[in-house]
Each structure stands twice: as structure tokens, then as C-alpha cells.
Protein backbone atom coordinates (compact mmCIF):
# COMPACT_ATOMS: atom_id res chain seq x y z
CA MET A 1 0.00 0.00 0.00
CA ASN A 2 2.79 2.30 -0.97
CA PHE A 3 1.04 5.20 -2.68
CA LEU A 4 3.09 7.73 -0.72
CA THR A 5 6.32 7.23 -2.63
CA ASP A 6 8.33 9.46 -0.35
CA MET A 7 7.55 7.05 2.47
CA LEU A 8 8.49 3.85 0.65
CA SER A 9 12.02 3.62 1.94
CA GLY A 10 11.32 5.22 5.28
CA GLY A 11 10.88 1.99 7.20
CA GLY A 12 13.82 0.40 5.43
CA ASN A 13 14.84 -3.23 5.69
CA ASP A 14 16.91 -2.80 8.83
CA GLY A 15 15.94 -3.72 12.35
CA LEU A 16 13.22 -2.15 14.43
CA ILE A 17 13.87 1.33 15.77
CA ALA A 18 14.85 1.48 19.45
CA PRO A 19 12.01 2.74 21.70
CA GLU A 20 14.09 5.67 22.96
CA LYS A 21 14.67 6.83 19.36
CA ALA A 22 11.03 6.60 18.29
CA LEU A 23 8.95 9.68 17.52
CA PRO A 24 7.31 11.22 20.62
CA GLY A 25 3.75 11.03 19.29
CA ARG A 26 0.90 12.78 21.07
CA GLN A 27 -1.84 12.28 23.65
CA GLN A 28 -4.62 13.25 21.25
CA LYS A 29 -6.26 10.39 19.37
CA MET A 30 -5.59 10.71 15.66
CA ALA A 31 -8.22 8.44 14.12
CA ASN A 32 -11.76 9.80 14.01
CA ILE A 33 -13.71 6.54 13.76
CA GLU A 34 -15.73 6.54 16.99
CA GLY A 35 -19.36 5.90 16.15
CA SER A 36 -18.52 4.67 12.64
CA ASN A 37 -19.95 1.46 11.20
CA HIS A 38 -18.18 -1.27 9.27
CA LEU A 39 -18.73 -0.70 5.55
CA VAL A 40 -19.54 -4.37 4.90
CA LEU A 41 -20.71 -5.85 8.20
CA GLY A 42 -22.61 -2.77 9.38
CA THR A 43 -21.35 -3.16 12.96
CA LYS A 44 -19.79 -0.57 15.26
CA LEU A 45 -16.06 -0.39 14.60
CA THR A 46 -14.88 0.20 18.18
CA ARG A 47 -17.46 -1.88 20.07
CA ILE A 48 -16.73 -5.21 21.73
CA PRO A 49 -20.05 -6.94 22.49
CA GLU A 50 -20.36 -9.05 25.63
CA GLY A 51 -18.88 -12.50 25.17
CA HIS A 52 -16.73 -11.49 22.20
CA LYS A 53 -12.95 -11.71 21.97
CA VAL A 54 -10.22 -9.70 20.24
CA ALA A 55 -7.37 -10.83 18.01
CA VAL A 56 -4.65 -8.51 16.66
CA PHE A 57 -2.24 -9.48 13.92
CA ALA A 58 -0.14 -8.02 11.11
CA ASN A 59 0.67 -9.71 7.81
CA GLY A 60 1.51 -7.07 5.23
CA CYS A 61 -0.51 -4.18 3.84
CA PHE A 62 -3.52 -3.93 6.12
CA TRP A 63 -6.02 -3.33 3.32
CA GLY A 64 -5.93 -6.91 2.09
CA SER A 65 -5.31 -8.40 5.53
CA GLU A 66 -8.54 -6.87 6.80
CA LYS A 67 -10.63 -7.93 3.83
CA GLY A 68 -9.63 -11.57 4.09
CA ILE A 69 -10.80 -11.79 7.69
CA TRP A 70 -14.08 -9.87 7.37
CA ARG A 71 -15.13 -12.31 4.63
CA LEU A 72 -15.07 -15.35 6.92
CA PRO A 73 -18.59 -16.82 6.79
CA LYS A 74 -19.56 -16.42 10.44
CA GLY A 75 -18.50 -15.12 13.81
CA ILE A 76 -16.66 -11.94 12.79
CA TYR A 77 -18.33 -8.96 14.48
CA SER A 78 -15.97 -6.30 13.14
CA THR A 79 -12.55 -5.67 11.66
CA THR A 80 -10.48 -2.50 11.78
CA VAL A 81 -7.01 -1.55 10.62
CA GLY A 82 -4.42 0.29 12.62
CA TYR A 83 -0.87 0.52 13.90
CA CYS A 84 0.37 -2.04 16.41
CA GLY A 85 3.51 -3.22 18.14
CA GLY A 86 5.19 0.17 18.24
CA PHE A 87 6.46 2.82 20.63
CA THR A 88 4.88 6.13 19.54
CA PRO A 89 1.48 7.07 21.04
CA ASN A 90 -1.22 7.88 18.48
CA PRO A 91 0.87 7.79 15.30
CA THR A 92 -0.32 9.07 11.94
CA TYR A 93 -0.08 6.94 8.80
CA GLU A 94 2.84 9.02 7.54
CA GLU A 95 4.68 8.58 10.82
CA ALA A 96 4.12 4.81 10.88
CA CYS A 97 5.34 4.57 7.27
CA SER A 98 8.53 6.41 8.18
CA GLY A 99 9.64 3.49 10.32
CA LEU A 100 10.24 5.91 13.19
CA THR A 101 7.37 4.73 15.40
CA GLY A 102 8.09 1.01 15.45
CA HIS A 103 4.53 0.11 14.45
CA THR A 104 3.46 -2.45 11.89
CA GLU A 105 0.23 -2.24 9.89
CA GLY A 106 -2.25 -4.47 11.68
CA VAL A 107 -5.80 -5.76 11.86
CA ARG A 108 -7.99 -5.88 14.97
CA VAL A 109 -10.66 -8.56 14.86
CA VAL A 110 -13.63 -8.66 17.21
CA TYR A 111 -15.16 -12.11 17.00
CA ASP A 112 -17.70 -14.41 18.65
CA PRO A 113 -15.79 -17.51 19.86
CA GLY A 114 -19.04 -19.45 19.87
CA GLN A 115 -19.24 -19.09 16.09
CA VAL A 116 -15.64 -18.96 14.89
CA SER A 117 -12.62 -20.41 16.65
CA PHE A 118 -9.48 -18.42 17.32
CA VAL A 119 -7.72 -21.27 15.50
CA ASP A 120 -9.63 -20.46 12.30
CA ILE A 121 -8.50 -16.83 12.49
CA LEU A 122 -4.97 -18.02 13.23
CA ARG A 123 -4.97 -20.40 10.27
CA TRP A 124 -6.14 -17.64 7.92
CA PHE A 125 -3.37 -15.40 9.26
CA TRP A 126 -0.62 -17.93 8.52
CA GLU A 127 -1.90 -18.95 5.10
CA ALA A 128 -2.64 -15.41 3.91
CA HIS A 129 1.00 -14.21 3.74
CA ASP A 130 4.66 -15.21 3.75
CA PRO A 131 5.61 -15.32 7.44
CA CYS A 132 9.28 -15.78 6.54
CA ALA A 133 9.70 -12.43 4.78
CA GLY A 134 11.36 -10.45 7.57
CA MET A 135 10.85 -6.71 7.43
CA GLY A 136 8.34 -6.58 4.61
CA GLN A 137 5.84 -8.41 2.47
CA GLY A 138 6.04 -8.62 -1.29
CA ASN A 139 6.94 -5.25 -2.79
CA ASP A 140 6.30 -3.46 0.49
CA ARG A 141 9.51 -3.26 2.49
CA GLY A 142 10.07 -1.81 5.93
CA THR A 143 9.39 -2.58 9.57
CA GLN A 144 5.84 -1.27 9.13
CA TYR A 145 5.04 -4.35 7.02
CA ARG A 146 6.52 -7.01 9.31
CA SER A 147 4.50 -10.06 10.29
CA GLY A 148 3.22 -10.20 13.86
CA PHE A 149 0.61 -11.76 16.13
CA TYR A 150 -0.07 -10.25 19.55
CA TYR A 151 -1.72 -12.30 22.28
CA PHE A 152 -4.10 -11.26 25.06
CA ASP A 153 -4.00 -14.41 27.18
CA ASP A 154 -2.05 -17.62 27.74
CA ASP A 155 -4.33 -19.66 25.47
CA GLN A 156 -3.71 -17.37 22.50
CA LYS A 157 0.03 -17.46 23.22
CA ALA A 158 0.14 -21.25 23.28
CA LEU A 159 -1.88 -21.59 20.07
CA ILE A 160 0.15 -18.98 18.17
CA GLU A 161 3.47 -20.51 19.19
CA ALA A 162 2.42 -24.12 18.54
CA SER A 163 1.00 -23.34 15.12
CA LYS A 164 4.12 -21.33 14.26
CA ASP A 165 6.35 -24.31 15.06
CA VAL A 166 4.28 -26.61 12.86
CA TYR A 167 3.99 -24.16 9.95
CA GLU A 168 7.71 -23.40 10.03
CA LYS A 169 8.46 -27.09 9.48
CA GLN A 170 5.94 -27.22 6.63
CA ILE A 171 7.39 -24.18 4.87
CA GLY A 172 10.99 -25.24 5.44
CA ARG A 173 12.26 -21.74 6.21
CA PRO A 174 12.61 -19.77 9.47
CA ILE A 175 9.43 -17.87 10.34
CA THR A 176 10.16 -14.26 11.29
CA THR A 177 6.72 -13.42 12.70
CA GLU A 178 6.85 -11.27 15.83
CA ILE A 179 4.95 -12.94 18.68
CA ALA A 180 4.45 -10.75 21.74
CA SER A 181 2.02 -10.01 24.55
CA ALA A 182 -0.29 -7.04 24.19
CA SER A 183 0.70 -6.07 27.72
CA ASP A 184 4.32 -5.52 26.59
CA TYR A 185 3.19 -2.29 24.94
CA GLU A 186 1.32 -0.73 27.84
CA LYS A 187 4.39 1.33 28.73
CA TYR A 188 4.22 2.88 25.24
CA GLY A 189 0.54 3.78 25.51
CA GLY A 190 -0.86 0.46 24.31
CA LEU A 191 -0.54 -2.17 21.62
CA TRP A 192 -3.12 -0.76 19.23
CA TYR A 193 -3.98 2.57 17.58
CA TYR A 194 -6.72 2.84 14.97
CA ALA A 195 -5.71 4.02 11.53
CA GLU A 196 -7.37 6.97 9.84
CA LYS A 197 -10.95 6.54 8.70
CA TYR A 198 -10.08 6.41 5.00
CA HIS A 199 -8.07 3.23 5.61
CA GLN A 200 -10.94 1.37 7.28
CA GLN A 201 -12.36 -1.30 4.92
CA TYR A 202 -10.48 0.50 2.17
CA LEU A 203 -10.94 -2.26 -0.41
CA ALA A 204 -14.72 -1.99 -0.01
CA SER A 205 -14.67 1.79 -0.50
CA PRO A 206 -15.85 3.38 -3.76
CA GLY A 207 -12.92 3.99 -6.09
CA ALA A 208 -10.49 1.91 -4.04
CA ARG A 209 -7.26 0.90 -5.71
CA PRO A 210 -7.05 -2.94 -5.72
CA TYR A 211 -3.63 -3.24 -4.12
CA CYS A 212 -2.27 -6.10 -2.02
CA SER A 213 1.32 -7.00 -1.18
CA ALA A 214 0.79 -10.23 0.74
CA GLN A 215 2.47 -13.37 -0.55
CA PRO A 216 0.51 -16.48 0.50
CA GLN A 217 2.63 -19.58 0.06
CA GLY A 218 -0.17 -21.94 -0.93
CA ILE A 219 0.65 -24.23 2.00
CA SER A 220 -2.19 -25.43 4.22
CA LEU A 221 -1.53 -25.32 7.96
CA ALA A 222 -1.36 -28.84 9.38
CA SER A 223 -4.23 -30.15 11.46
CA MET A 224 -4.51 -28.95 15.03
CA ASP A 225 -4.14 -32.58 16.11
CA THR A 226 -0.44 -32.33 15.21
CA TRP A 227 0.23 -29.23 17.34
CA ASP A 228 2.16 -29.54 20.60
CA ILE A 229 -0.62 -28.35 22.89
CA SER A 230 -2.79 -29.91 25.57
CA ASP A 231 -5.87 -31.95 24.80
CA ASP A 232 -7.88 -29.34 26.71
CA LEU A 233 -6.79 -26.62 24.28
CA LYS A 234 -7.51 -28.83 21.30
CA LYS A 235 -11.03 -29.39 22.58
CA LYS A 236 -11.66 -25.78 23.64
CA TYR A 237 -10.45 -24.27 20.37
CA ALA A 238 -11.46 -26.92 17.87
CA PRO A 239 -11.86 -25.35 14.41
CA THR A 240 -15.37 -24.32 13.40
CA LEU A 241 -14.62 -24.02 9.68
CA PRO A 242 -14.53 -27.43 7.97
CA GLU A 243 -11.83 -28.58 5.57
CA SER A 244 -14.32 -28.13 2.73
CA PHE A 245 -14.17 -24.39 3.44
CA TRP A 246 -10.38 -24.34 3.24
CA SER A 247 -10.31 -26.49 0.12
CA LYS A 248 -12.38 -23.90 -1.72
CA HIS A 249 -11.67 -20.57 -0.04
CA ALA A 250 -8.18 -20.69 1.51
CA PRO A 251 -5.80 -17.93 0.39
CA LYS A 252 -4.25 -18.80 -2.95
CA LYS A 253 -0.54 -18.49 -3.71
CA GLY A 254 0.12 -14.88 -4.61
CA CYS A 255 -2.40 -12.26 -3.46
CA SER A 256 -5.94 -12.88 -4.71
CA VAL A 257 -8.03 -11.32 -1.96
CA VAL A 258 -8.31 -7.97 -3.75
CA ASN A 259 -10.27 -9.64 -6.56
CA SER A 260 -12.67 -11.42 -4.21
CA PRO A 261 -16.17 -10.05 -3.55
CA ASN A 262 -16.52 -7.76 -0.56
CA GLU A 263 -19.38 -9.79 0.86
CA LEU A 264 -18.99 -12.63 3.34
CA ILE A 265 -18.26 -16.09 1.97
CA ALA A 266 -21.63 -17.87 1.93
CA GLU A 267 -21.93 -20.84 4.25
CA GLY A 268 -23.54 -22.85 1.49
CA SER A 269 -20.62 -22.34 -0.87
CA TYR A 270 -18.43 -25.10 0.56
């Protein structure tokens, strides 16, 4: 999503900026999305209904990352894009793209665990990009495009790490995905900052440019039965989406999500 050409090399391919060298940011919230509704789902962007959970991840340009998740057939209440895993409070898009805030472009998913398992979201995350790409994804290079998954509890941590170990063996290359606790960022103001309103559900917006940098590898994540986790976790987080869904709708090698319909994948289509 590199339409600001003067920002393309800002993040660079080097390591993450040190927290003490990051931009100072500001106390004022930058994104004006409070009260806004999701362009496709019609739900409140910042609301977390009772009984719902949150997942935050980053896997390349957040336009395509967000669209892939909102299209899951059930259980997704809302998706938003923003800046996560950084050190600058309330960054702007231009600041995040400079590489001087430490943030990566991310997606925040509010979901109903009774309808869609965290494992299904996790599987989509892994299969929808190249998690071995270091500081970038496809043509987009810089720390602001690095892969990451940020956990909110011990269960999420165990599932992310176990699936990473399995997928790394399947791919045959070291996975560079950043795995960290959301609480690690409290000293920097928090893990997550919403992006500007014009970025939200961008690919469903009138006149949107169909751009996506993600590089799915076309490799299906191995069954949860093969993960090194407890039987209790396997039972609690058993996938809700059947293999027939993945056979037909899993991310294809290369980036194809931009050409997919904006609407949810119909449950009767697999």
C-alpha cells in the first residue's frame, strides 16, 4: 500500500527502531472513527459486544489483511485496521510509514468464539501471507510491514506458538513473525492505535485501488491434532470451519483477496 512514494524507503529493511529513538507522538487520538460502522458488516467499529474476543495481527498491507478476515462466513463482528507493536502514542499513517514509530500495519478482529474459533483466524493469518519475509511483504519493504501476532492471554500465546512451530516445518524456512504479549506495549501507551478513517475497509470503498502486497505460500496449515498443545486446548479451540471451506476458499498463492467479492463467503458455498 505504498502510494506515498516518499515514504516507501522510510521503514527500510533494517531492524526495528529502538524505543528511545522513536517519535514522541501525542496524547490526542488521531483516528476519528468513533461511532462509525463497518462498511460491509454494518457493525460498530470500536465496540466489543459481551462474550466477544479480540485478536490482533499483522501480515503485510492492512487493506488486504482486513478484507480476508471480514469475509469469513460467520463469527466476525468487526474488523479494523491500525498501527500495532510500536512505541509512539497515536501515530499518523505518515509517521508509521517512516519506520520511526516502530509500528506495523495491523488488523484488529472482534469475534464471537461461539461461532468462529481463534484457531480459524490463526490459520487464515498464517496462510494469507509469507511469514518468513522479515521486514516486509512482497513489494512493500520496511518494519511497518513485518508479520506479527499479539496475544491477550495464555491460550492465545500457546496456540500462536504451537501453530508457528508446525507451519515453520511445513514451509521449510525460518518464520520471522513477531509474537508478543499485548501487555508488553502498555508502557508505550498500548498495543493498538486505529488508523485513519479512509483506511478502514479500504478495499470496499468506492474507487479503491485494488492493491495487495501479501504473498501467501499456498501451503495449508497442518491439522490442530499435530500441534504440541494440551488436549484441553484442542477441545476448547477446535476449528469451526470445515476442511471443505479451506479447500475452496483458503488464500491462494500470490495475493488474490483484492479480486474477491466484498461480501462474506456464503456458508452454502463449501
